[in-house]
């Protein structure tokens, strides 16, 4: 059995045996570096009533095969992570953090920082956050946390695609949505489904308890072959300055057909605020 298979199987066993009943399961990718203080500041600023909270530290070793140490197991770090109102369980594994966090596909949300340290950074492979929203990912919703303030204003990108719909449903299930101001953004690519997608997303979020929801349809930046929605979304982020942006990992329309790259990856890389990416759904 490979390291990836062992990690995934152990996490599946842990889920079946140890998952407490409750509203949701939050997994926090914690590298115990300086940036993780900001990550935990963001987590602590949001409400998680009744949620199971797991802090997962992955510390890859480049000098030898990690063997059984690659399996997530309980540990007692100093200092431990504390979250008022929630018990935090701590797990550690000596393995690639991408593999470890990928294994938590039964979690309701995985929260990571925008940049990490360790083996991946030394090898120049990019951040774990960017890898988790790469092709055919994330396997479970991923939130890249920036800042340490409560979420008050959310920008939701809606295009009617299965991935965007999953991202909206994920946001609707999060307790941080309650009472927030939400802008549902549609980018007009002349395919006539953006308005319906915005209306549907706004309805779901109002029903879930958002404080105020408005819809906004804007024109995309025209390209020779298609419409590139990425600069449009990033420009809107700069304009309205939300605390959180919600996107699907891939969408419909010309951007997908021309294979211009992932909108989610562009937003994760460039947005100055936190970004929630819904899980990748299986569709053609």
C-alpha atoms as a PDB file:
ATOM      1  CA  UNK A   1       0.000   0.000   0.000  1.00  0.00           C
ATOM      2  CA  UNK A   2       1.394   3.410  -0.957  1.00  0.00           C
ATOM      3  CA  UNK A   3       1.798   6.344   1.432  1.00  0.00           C
ATOM      4  CA  UNK A   4      -1.163   8.105  -0.209  1.00  0.00           C
ATOM      5  CA  UNK A   5      -3.361   5.023   0.196  1.00  0.00           C
ATOM      6  CA  UNK A   6      -2.339   4.561   3.842  1.00  0.00           C
ATOM      7  CA  UNK A   7      -3.043   8.203   4.663  1.00  0.00           C
ATOM      8  CA  UNK A   8      -6.427   8.140   2.941  1.00  0.00           C
ATOM      9  CA  UNK A   9      -7.472   4.851   4.536  1.00  0.00           C
ATOM     10  CA  UNK A  10      -6.453   6.008   8.026  1.00  0.00           C
ATOM     11  CA  UNK A  11      -8.403   9.226   7.611  1.00  0.00           C
ATOM     12  CA  UNK A  12     -11.454   7.316   6.399  1.00  0.00           C
ATOM     13  CA  UNK A  13     -11.249   5.017   9.431  1.00  0.00           C
ATOM     14  CA  UNK A  14     -10.895   8.045  11.708  1.00  0.00           C
ATOM     15  CA  UNK A  15     -13.940   9.656  10.120  1.00  0.00           C
ATOM     16  CA  UNK A  16     -16.096   6.589  10.673  1.00  0.00           C
ATOM     17  CA  UNK A  17     -14.863   5.970  14.213  1.00  0.00           C
ATOM     18  CA  UNK A  18     -14.351   9.453  15.623  1.00  0.00           C
ATOM     19  CA  UNK A  19     -16.630  11.910  13.863  1.00  0.00           C
ATOM     20  CA  UNK A  20     -18.917  13.475  16.412  1.00  0.00           C
ATOM     21  CA  UNK A  21     -22.502  14.215  15.376  1.00  0.00           C
ATOM     22  CA  UNK A  22     -23.070  17.888  14.776  1.00  0.00           C
ATOM     23  CA  UNK A  23     -23.586  20.581  12.168  1.00  0.00           C
ATOM     24  CA  UNK A  24     -20.251  20.134  10.432  1.00  0.00           C
ATOM     25  CA  UNK A  25     -16.598  19.134  10.465  1.00  0.00           C
ATOM     26  CA  UNK A  26     -13.889  21.792  10.059  1.00  0.00           C
ATOM     27  CA  UNK A  27     -10.349  20.665   9.176  1.00  0.00           C
ATOM     28  CA  UNK A  28      -7.580  23.265   9.501  1.00  0.00           C
ATOM     29  CA  UNK A  29      -4.282  22.698   7.707  1.00  0.00           C
ATOM     30  CA  UNK A  30      -1.816  23.930  10.314  1.00  0.00           C
ATOM     31  CA  UNK A  31       1.888  24.055   9.433  1.00  0.00           C
ATOM     32  CA  UNK A  32       2.726  25.619  12.832  1.00  0.00           C
ATOM     33  CA  UNK A  33       4.645  28.394  11.045  1.00  0.00           C
ATOM     34  CA  UNK A  34       4.393  32.139  11.517  1.00  0.00           C
ATOM     35  CA  UNK A  35       1.613  32.456   8.939  1.00  0.00           C
ATOM     36  CA  UNK A  36      -0.529  29.950  10.843  1.00  0.00           C
ATOM     37  CA  UNK A  37      -1.169  32.583  13.525  1.00  0.00           C
ATOM     38  CA  UNK A  38      -3.123  34.553  10.937  1.00  0.00           C
ATOM     39  CA  UNK A  39      -4.881  31.383   9.812  1.00  0.00           C
ATOM     40  CA  UNK A  40      -6.070  30.623  13.333  1.00  0.00           C
ATOM     41  CA  UNK A  41      -6.949  34.267  13.855  1.00  0.00           C
ATOM     42  CA  UNK A  42      -9.358  33.975  10.923  1.00  0.00           C
ATOM     43  CA  UNK A  43     -10.827  30.700  12.190  1.00  0.00           C
ATOM     44  CA  UNK A  44     -11.302  32.122  15.702  1.00  0.00           C
ATOM     45  CA  UNK A  45     -13.051  35.220  14.326  1.00  0.00           C
ATOM     46  CA  UNK A  46     -15.857  33.126  12.809  1.00  0.00           C
ATOM     47  CA  UNK A  47     -18.623  31.252  14.683  1.00  0.00           C
ATOM     48  CA  UNK A  48     -18.489  27.430  14.645  1.00  0.00           C
ATOM     49  CA  UNK A  49     -21.296  26.395  17.012  1.00  0.00           C
ATOM     50  CA  UNK A  50     -21.309  22.647  17.519  1.00  0.00           C
ATOM     51  CA  UNK A  51     -18.723  21.980  14.800  1.00  0.00           C
ATOM     52  CA  UNK A  52     -16.046  19.334  15.101  1.00  0.00           C
ATOM     53  CA  UNK A  53     -12.656  21.054  14.661  1.00  0.00           C
ATOM     54  CA  UNK A  54      -9.493  19.179  13.678  1.00  0.00           C
ATOM     55  CA  UNK A  55      -6.058  20.781  13.367  1.00  0.00           C
ATOM     56  CA  UNK A  56      -3.891  18.764  10.961  1.00  0.00           C
ATOM     57  CA  UNK A  57      -0.128  19.352  10.819  1.00  0.00           C
ATOM     58  CA  UNK A  58       1.782  17.732   7.953  1.00  0.00           C
ATOM     59  CA  UNK A  59       5.556  17.845   8.208  1.00  0.00           C
ATOM     60  CA  UNK A  60       7.162  16.192   5.153  1.00  0.00           C
ATOM     61  CA  UNK A  61      10.602  14.635   5.490  1.00  0.00           C
ATOM     62  CA  UNK A  62      12.891  14.724   2.469  1.00  0.00           C
ATOM     63  CA  UNK A  63      15.671  12.546   3.942  1.00  0.00           C
ATOM     64  CA  UNK A  64      13.859   9.229   4.312  1.00  0.00           C
ATOM     65  CA  UNK A  65      10.584   7.455   3.674  1.00  0.00           C
ATOM     66  CA  UNK A  66       8.192   8.351   6.497  1.00  0.00           C
ATOM     67  CA  UNK A  67       6.576   4.907   6.763  1.00  0.00           C
ATOM     68  CA  UNK A  68       3.949   4.719   9.484  1.00  0.00           C
ATOM     69  CA  UNK A  69       4.718   8.270  10.545  1.00  0.00           C
ATOM     70  CA  UNK A  70       2.876   9.365   7.409  1.00  0.00           C
ATOM     71  CA  UNK A  71      -0.386   8.283   9.015  1.00  0.00           C
ATOM     72  CA  UNK A  72      -2.216  11.118  10.825  1.00  0.00           C
ATOM     73  CA  UNK A  73      -2.091  10.450  14.540  1.00  0.00           C
ATOM     74  CA  UNK A  74      -2.885  12.341  17.723  1.00  0.00           C
ATOM     75  CA  UNK A  75      -0.277  14.572  19.314  1.00  0.00           C
ATOM     76  CA  UNK A  76      -0.035  17.305  21.944  1.00  0.00           C
ATOM     77  CA  UNK A  77       1.637  20.376  20.400  1.00  0.00           C
ATOM     78  CA  UNK A  78       2.952  23.260  22.462  1.00  0.00           C
ATOM     79  CA  UNK A  79       1.177  25.527  22.501  1.00  0.00           C
ATOM     80  CA  UNK A  80      -2.063  23.780  21.568  1.00  0.00           C
ATOM     81  CA  UNK A  81      -4.579  25.516  19.334  1.00  0.00           C
ATOM     82  CA  UNK A  82      -7.546  26.905  21.243  1.00  0.00           C
ATOM     83  CA  UNK A  83     -10.912  27.920  19.836  1.00  0.00           C
ATOM     84  CA  UNK A  84     -13.459  29.419  22.257  1.00  0.00           C
ATOM     85  CA  UNK A  85     -16.573  27.272  22.321  1.00  0.00           C
ATOM     86  CA  UNK A  86     -14.991  24.358  20.443  1.00  0.00           C
ATOM     87  CA  UNK A  87     -12.664  21.514  21.350  1.00  0.00           C
ATOM     88  CA  UNK A  88      -9.724  21.284  18.933  1.00  0.00           C
ATOM     89  CA  UNK A  89      -8.327  17.828  18.190  1.00  0.00           C
ATOM     90  CA  UNK A  90      -4.691  17.778  16.998  1.00  0.00           C
ATOM     91  CA  UNK A  91      -3.280  15.369  14.419  1.00  0.00           C
ATOM     92  CA  UNK A  92       0.203  15.196  12.918  1.00  0.00           C
ATOM     93  CA  UNK A  93       1.664  13.324   9.943  1.00  0.00           C
ATOM     94  CA  UNK A  94       5.107  13.222   8.350  1.00  0.00           C
ATOM     95  CA  UNK A  95       3.903  13.354   4.765  1.00  0.00           C
ATOM     96  CA  UNK A  96       3.205  15.682   1.867  1.00  0.00           C
ATOM     97  CA  UNK A  97       0.551  18.129   3.156  1.00  0.00           C
ATOM     98  CA  UNK A  98      -1.232  17.950  -0.188  1.00  0.00           C
ATOM     99  CA  UNK A  99      -1.745  14.201   0.195  1.00  0.00           C
ATOM    100  CA  UNK A 100      -2.766  14.513   3.831  1.00  0.00           C
ATOM    101  CA  UNK A 101      -5.340  17.253   3.275  1.00  0.00           C
ATOM    102  CA  UNK A 102      -6.678  15.576   0.134  1.00  0.00           C
ATOM    103  CA  UNK A 103      -7.618  12.640   2.344  1.00  0.00           C
ATOM    104  CA  UNK A 104     -10.182  14.641   4.274  1.00  0.00           C
ATOM    105  CA  UNK A 105     -12.828  14.473   1.569  1.00  0.00           C
ATOM    106  CA  UNK A 106     -15.505  13.740   4.192  1.00  0.00           C
ATOM    107  CA  UNK A 107     -14.905  17.064   5.946  1.00  0.00           C
ATOM    108  CA  UNK A 108     -17.406  19.860   5.368  1.00  0.00           C
ATOM    109  CA  UNK A 109     -14.658  22.458   4.999  1.00  0.00           C
ATOM    110  CA  UNK A 110     -10.856  22.489   4.855  1.00  0.00           C
ATOM    111  CA  UNK A 111      -9.242  25.810   5.790  1.00  0.00           C
ATOM    112  CA  UNK A 112      -5.652  26.587   4.812  1.00  0.00           C
ATOM    113  CA  UNK A 113      -3.398  29.612   4.640  1.00  0.00           C
ATOM    114  CA  UNK A 114      -2.354  31.171   1.319  1.00  0.00           C
ATOM    115  CA  UNK A 115       1.272  30.136   1.725  1.00  0.00           C
ATOM    116  CA  UNK A 116       3.068  27.484   3.708  1.00  0.00           C
ATOM    117  CA  UNK A 117       6.610  26.450   4.542  1.00  0.00           C
ATOM    118  CA  UNK A 118       8.596  23.263   4.347  1.00  0.00           C
ATOM    119  CA  UNK A 119       9.344  20.777   1.563  1.00  0.00           C
ATOM    120  CA  UNK A 120       6.855  22.069  -1.027  1.00  0.00           C
ATOM    121  CA  UNK A 121       8.138  25.617  -0.784  1.00  0.00           C
ATOM    122  CA  UNK A 122      11.765  24.501  -0.954  1.00  0.00           C
ATOM    123  CA  UNK A 123      11.090  22.481  -4.087  1.00  0.00           C
ATOM    124  CA  UNK A 124       9.333  25.413  -5.737  1.00  0.00           C
ATOM    125  CA  UNK A 125       6.105  23.481  -6.229  1.00  0.00           C
ATOM    126  CA  UNK A 126       3.803  26.306  -5.213  1.00  0.00           C
ATOM    127  CA  UNK A 127       1.558  26.507  -2.205  1.00  0.00           C
ATOM    128  CA  UNK A 128      -0.611  23.728  -0.846  1.00  0.00           C
ATOM    129  CA  UNK A 129      -3.576  26.096  -1.258  1.00  0.00           C
ATOM    130  CA  UNK A 130      -2.979  26.472  -4.998  1.00  0.00           C
ATOM    131  CA  UNK A 131      -2.484  22.741  -5.437  1.00  0.00           C
ATOM    132  CA  UNK A 132      -5.733  21.944  -3.605  1.00  0.00           C
ATOM    133  CA  UNK A 133      -7.709  23.919  -6.193  1.00  0.00           C
ATOM    134  CA  UNK A 134      -5.816  22.527  -9.193  1.00  0.00           C
ATOM    135  CA  UNK A 135      -7.251  20.219 -11.856  1.00  0.00           C
ATOM    136  CA  UNK A 136     -10.147  18.024 -10.626  1.00  0.00           C
ATOM    137  CA  UNK A 137      -9.906  19.550  -7.145  1.00  0.00           C
ATOM    138  CA  UNK A 138     -10.739  20.363  -4.419  1.00  0.00           C
ATOM    139  CA  UNK A 139     -12.189  17.050  -3.245  1.00  0.00           C
ATOM    140  CA  UNK A 140     -13.975  18.880  -0.441  1.00  0.00           C
ATOM    141  CA  UNK A 141     -14.643  22.641  -0.136  1.00  0.00           C
ATOM    142  CA  UNK A 142     -11.455  24.594   0.576  1.00  0.00           C
ATOM    143  CA  UNK A 143     -11.225  28.037   2.134  1.00  0.00           C
ATOM    144  CA  UNK A 144      -7.987  29.993   1.818  1.00  0.00           C
ATOM    145  CA  UNK A 145      -7.976  32.313   4.832  1.00  0.00           C
ATOM    146  CA  UNK A 146      -6.576  35.827   4.781  1.00  0.00           C
ATOM    147  CA  UNK A 147      -7.081  38.371   7.555  1.00  0.00           C
ATOM    148  CA  UNK A 148      -8.286  37.929  11.124  1.00  0.00           C
ATOM    149  CA  UNK A 149     -11.670  39.705  11.090  1.00  0.00           C
ATOM    150  CA  UNK A 150     -15.203  38.277  11.062  1.00  0.00           C
ATOM    151  CA  UNK A 151     -16.729  37.893   7.615  1.00  0.00           C
ATOM    152  CA  UNK A 152     -19.248  40.702   7.043  1.00  0.00           C
ATOM    153  CA  UNK A 153     -19.389  41.010   3.246  1.00  0.00           C
ATOM    154  CA  UNK A 154     -19.297  38.089   0.806  1.00  0.00           C
ATOM    155  CA  UNK A 155     -18.943  38.167  -2.978  1.00  0.00           C
ATOM    156  CA  UNK A 156     -20.443  35.072  -4.612  1.00  0.00           C
ATOM    157  CA  UNK A 157     -19.609  34.272  -8.245  1.00  0.00           C
ATOM    158  CA  UNK A 158     -22.595  32.495  -9.813  1.00  0.00           C
ATOM    159  CA  UNK A 159     -22.688  31.074 -13.335  1.00  0.00           C
ATOM    160  CA  UNK A 160     -25.085  28.154 -12.957  1.00  0.00           C
ATOM    161  CA  UNK A 161     -22.372  25.493 -13.271  1.00  0.00           C
ATOM    162  CA  UNK A 162     -22.441  22.472 -10.925  1.00  0.00           C
ATOM    163  CA  UNK A 163     -19.214  23.608  -9.263  1.00  0.00           C
ATOM    164  CA  UNK A 164     -20.516  27.128  -8.603  1.00  0.00           C
ATOM    165  CA  UNK A 165     -23.778  25.677  -7.289  1.00  0.00           C
ATOM    166  CA  UNK A 166     -21.847  23.472  -4.864  1.00  0.00           C
ATOM    167  CA  UNK A 167     -19.876  26.505  -3.681  1.00  0.00           C
ATOM    168  CA  UNK A 168     -23.130  28.367  -2.959  1.00  0.00           C
ATOM    169  CA  UNK A 169     -24.512  25.401  -1.014  1.00  0.00           C
ATOM    170  CA  UNK A 170     -21.284  25.184   0.977  1.00  0.00           C
ATOM    171  CA  UNK A 171     -21.527  28.850   1.918  1.00  0.00           C
ATOM    172  CA  UNK A 172     -25.200  28.408   2.849  1.00  0.00           C
ATOM    173  CA  UNK A 173     -24.212  25.693   5.348  1.00  0.00           C
ATOM    174  CA  UNK A 174     -21.562  27.820   7.091  1.00  0.00           C
ATOM    175  CA  UNK A 175     -22.570  29.648  10.278  1.00  0.00           C
ATOM    176  CA  UNK A 176     -20.508  32.673   9.229  1.00  0.00           C
ATOM    177  CA  UNK A 177     -23.152  33.457   6.565  1.00  0.00           C
ATOM    178  CA  UNK A 178     -25.770  34.515   9.107  1.00  0.00           C
ATOM    179  CA  UNK A 179     -26.355  38.255   9.034  1.00  0.00           C
ATOM    180  CA  UNK A 180     -23.729  38.975   6.388  1.00  0.00           C
ATOM    181  CA  UNK A 181     -24.134  41.218   3.356  1.00  0.00           C
ATOM    182  CA  UNK A 182     -23.867  39.174   0.148  1.00  0.00           C
ATOM    183  CA  UNK A 183     -23.320  40.338  -3.421  1.00  0.00           C
ATOM    184  CA  UNK A 184     -24.114  37.653  -6.005  1.00  0.00           C
ATOM    185  CA  UNK A 185     -22.093  38.394  -9.116  1.00  0.00           C
ATOM    186  CA  UNK A 186     -22.939  37.208 -12.602  1.00  0.00           C
ATOM    187  CA  UNK A 187     -20.529  37.772 -15.475  1.00  0.00           C
ATOM    188  CA  UNK A 188     -22.393  38.267 -18.748  1.00  0.00           C
ATOM    189  CA  UNK A 189     -20.762  36.023 -21.372  1.00  0.00           C
ATOM    190  CA  UNK A 190     -23.768  36.260 -23.724  1.00  0.00           C
ATOM    191  CA  UNK A 191     -24.874  32.705 -22.943  1.00  0.00           C
ATOM    192  CA  UNK A 192     -28.182  33.761 -21.336  1.00  0.00           C
ATOM    193  CA  UNK A 193     -28.007  31.730 -18.124  1.00  0.00           C
ATOM    194  CA  UNK A 194     -26.228  34.191 -15.831  1.00  0.00           C
ATOM    195  CA  UNK A 195     -29.371  36.001 -14.629  1.00  0.00           C
ATOM    196  CA  UNK A 196     -31.126  32.743 -13.692  1.00  0.00           C
ATOM    197  CA  UNK A 197     -28.000  31.532 -11.890  1.00  0.00           C
ATOM    198  CA  UNK A 198     -27.808  34.738  -9.852  1.00  0.00           C
ATOM    199  CA  UNK A 199     -31.478  34.551  -8.892  1.00  0.00           C
ATOM    200  CA  UNK A 200     -31.177  30.921  -7.806  1.00  0.00           C
ATOM    201  CA  UNK A 201     -28.047  31.572  -5.734  1.00  0.00           C
ATOM    202  CA  UNK A 202     -29.586  34.636  -4.082  1.00  0.00           C
ATOM    203  CA  UNK A 203     -32.667  32.614  -3.109  1.00  0.00           C
ATOM    204  CA  UNK A 204     -30.565  29.865  -1.501  1.00  0.00           C
ATOM    205  CA  UNK A 205     -28.520  32.367   0.502  1.00  0.00           C
ATOM    206  CA  UNK A 206     -31.530  34.344   1.699  1.00  0.00           C
ATOM    207  CA  UNK A 207     -33.167  31.137   2.872  1.00  0.00           C
ATOM    208  CA  UNK A 208     -29.944  30.197   4.700  1.00  0.00           C
ATOM    209  CA  UNK A 209     -29.937  33.402   6.754  1.00  0.00           C
ATOM    210  CA  UNK A 210     -27.839  35.973   4.938  1.00  0.00           C
ATOM    211  CA  UNK A 211     -28.637  39.455   6.204  1.00  0.00           C
ATOM    212  CA  UNK A 212     -28.845  41.242   2.852  1.00  0.00           C
ATOM    213  CA  UNK A 213     -28.471  39.821  -0.637  1.00  0.00           C
ATOM    214  CA  UNK A 214     -28.144  41.777  -3.865  1.00  0.00           C
ATOM    215  CA  UNK A 215     -27.446  40.617  -7.415  1.00  0.00           C
ATOM    216  CA  UNK A 216     -25.080  42.264  -9.864  1.00  0.00           C
ATOM    217  CA  UNK A 217     -24.655  41.378 -13.550  1.00  0.00           C
ATOM    218  CA  UNK A 218     -21.577  42.827 -15.229  1.00  0.00           C
ATOM    219  CA  UNK A 219     -20.055  42.477 -18.681  1.00  0.00           C
ATOM    220  CA  UNK A 220     -16.961  40.342 -19.172  1.00  0.00           C
ATOM    221  CA  UNK A 221     -13.702  41.542 -20.642  1.00  0.00           C
ATOM    222  CA  UNK A 222     -13.937  40.518 -24.336  1.00  0.00           C
ATOM    223  CA  UNK A 223     -11.243  38.300 -25.829  1.00  0.00           C
ATOM    224  CA  UNK A 224     -10.593  37.210 -29.408  1.00  0.00           C
ATOM    225  CA  UNK A 225     -12.041  33.718 -28.962  1.00  0.00           C
ATOM    226  CA  UNK A 226     -14.089  33.972 -25.806  1.00  0.00           C
ATOM    227  CA  UNK A 227     -14.759  36.007 -22.689  1.00  0.00           C
ATOM    228  CA  UNK A 228     -12.223  35.901 -19.873  1.00  0.00           C
ATOM    229  CA  UNK A 229     -14.094  36.306 -16.604  1.00  0.00           C
ATOM    230  CA  UNK A 230     -10.977  36.369 -14.422  1.00  0.00           C
ATOM    231  CA  UNK A 231     -10.029  40.063 -14.741  1.00  0.00           C
ATOM    232  CA  UNK A 232     -13.713  40.960 -14.380  1.00  0.00           C
ATOM    233  CA  UNK A 233     -14.024  39.093 -11.081  1.00  0.00           C
ATOM    234  CA  UNK A 234     -10.695  40.387  -9.769  1.00  0.00           C
ATOM    235  CA  UNK A 235     -11.683  43.924 -10.720  1.00  0.00           C
ATOM    236  CA  UNK A 236     -14.958  43.563  -8.831  1.00  0.00           C
ATOM    237  CA  UNK A 237     -13.067  42.288  -5.788  1.00  0.00           C
ATOM    238  CA  UNK A 238     -10.911  45.418  -5.850  1.00  0.00           C
ATOM    239  CA  UNK A 239     -13.995  47.607  -6.234  1.00  0.00           C
ATOM    240  CA  UNK A 240     -16.260  46.288  -3.473  1.00  0.00           C
ATOM    241  CA  UNK A 241     -13.553  44.880  -1.117  1.00  0.00           C
ATOM    242  CA  UNK A 242     -15.383  41.823   0.279  1.00  0.00           C
ATOM    243  CA  UNK A 243     -14.110  39.808   3.228  1.00  0.00           C
ATOM    244  CA  UNK A 244     -14.734  36.544   1.381  1.00  0.00           C
ATOM    245  CA  UNK A 245     -15.078  35.518  -2.274  1.00  0.00           C
ATOM    246  CA  UNK A 246     -16.922  32.316  -3.207  1.00  0.00           C
ATOM    247  CA  UNK A 247     -16.189  30.569  -6.525  1.00  0.00           C
ATOM    248  CA  UNK A 248     -16.591  27.194  -8.173  1.00  0.00           C
ATOM    249  CA  UNK A 249     -13.430  25.378  -9.173  1.00  0.00           C
ATOM    250  CA  UNK A 250     -14.441  25.580 -12.839  1.00  0.00           C
ATOM    251  CA  UNK A 251     -17.403  27.003 -14.675  1.00  0.00           C
ATOM    252  CA  UNK A 252     -19.418  27.114 -17.845  1.00  0.00           C
ATOM    253  CA  UNK A 253     -19.068  29.220 -20.931  1.00  0.00           C
ATOM    254  CA  UNK A 254     -16.245  30.361 -23.153  1.00  0.00           C
ATOM    255  CA  UNK A 255     -13.608  30.325 -20.426  1.00  0.00           C
ATOM    256  CA  UNK A 256     -14.006  26.583 -19.983  1.00  0.00           C
ATOM    257  CA  UNK A 257     -14.175  25.848 -23.702  1.00  0.00           C
ATOM    258  CA  UNK A 258     -10.975  27.722 -24.497  1.00  0.00           C
ATOM    259  CA  UNK A 259      -9.113  26.173 -21.555  1.00  0.00           C
ATOM    260  CA  UNK A 260      -7.731  29.536 -20.496  1.00  0.00           C
ATOM    261  CA  UNK A 261      -6.993  28.328 -16.984  1.00  0.00           C
ATOM    262  CA  UNK A 262      -8.789  28.102 -13.704  1.00  0.00           C
ATOM    263  CA  UNK A 263     -10.785  31.061 -12.479  1.00  0.00           C
ATOM    264  CA  UNK A 264     -10.561  29.632  -8.968  1.00  0.00           C
ATOM    265  CA  UNK A 265      -6.767  29.437  -9.104  1.00  0.00           C
ATOM    266  CA  UNK A 266      -6.539  33.019 -10.352  1.00  0.00           C
ATOM    267  CA  UNK A 267      -8.776  34.275  -7.541  1.00  0.00           C
ATOM    268  CA  UNK A 268      -6.907  32.256  -4.899  1.00  0.00           C
ATOM    269  CA  UNK A 269      -3.593  33.624  -6.145  1.00  0.00           C
ATOM    270  CA  UNK A 270      -4.531  37.280  -6.631  1.00  0.00           C
ATOM    271  CA  UNK A 271      -7.422  38.135  -4.286  1.00  0.00           C
ATOM    272  CA  UNK A 272      -6.382  40.072  -1.165  1.00  0.00           C
ATOM    273  CA  UNK A 273      -9.250  38.554   0.848  1.00  0.00           C
ATOM    274  CA  UNK A 274     -10.253  35.028   1.851  1.00  0.00           C
ATOM    275  CA  UNK A 275     -11.501  32.696  -0.895  1.00  0.00           C
ATOM    276  CA  UNK A 276     -13.906  29.754  -0.660  1.00  0.00           C
ATOM    277  CA  UNK A 277     -13.734  27.213  -3.504  1.00  0.00           C
ATOM    278  CA  UNK A 278     -16.505  24.622  -3.790  1.00  0.00           C
ATOM    279  CA  UNK A 279     -15.632  20.973  -4.390  1.00  0.00           C
ATOM    280  CA  UNK A 280     -15.048  19.780  -7.939  1.00  0.00           C
ATOM    281  CA  UNK A 281     -18.113  17.957  -9.215  1.00  0.00           C
ATOM    282  CA  UNK A 282     -18.128  15.230 -11.825  1.00  0.00           C
ATOM    283  CA  UNK A 283     -19.455  16.625 -15.074  1.00  0.00           C
ATOM    284  CA  UNK A 284     -18.374  16.932 -18.656  1.00  0.00           C
END
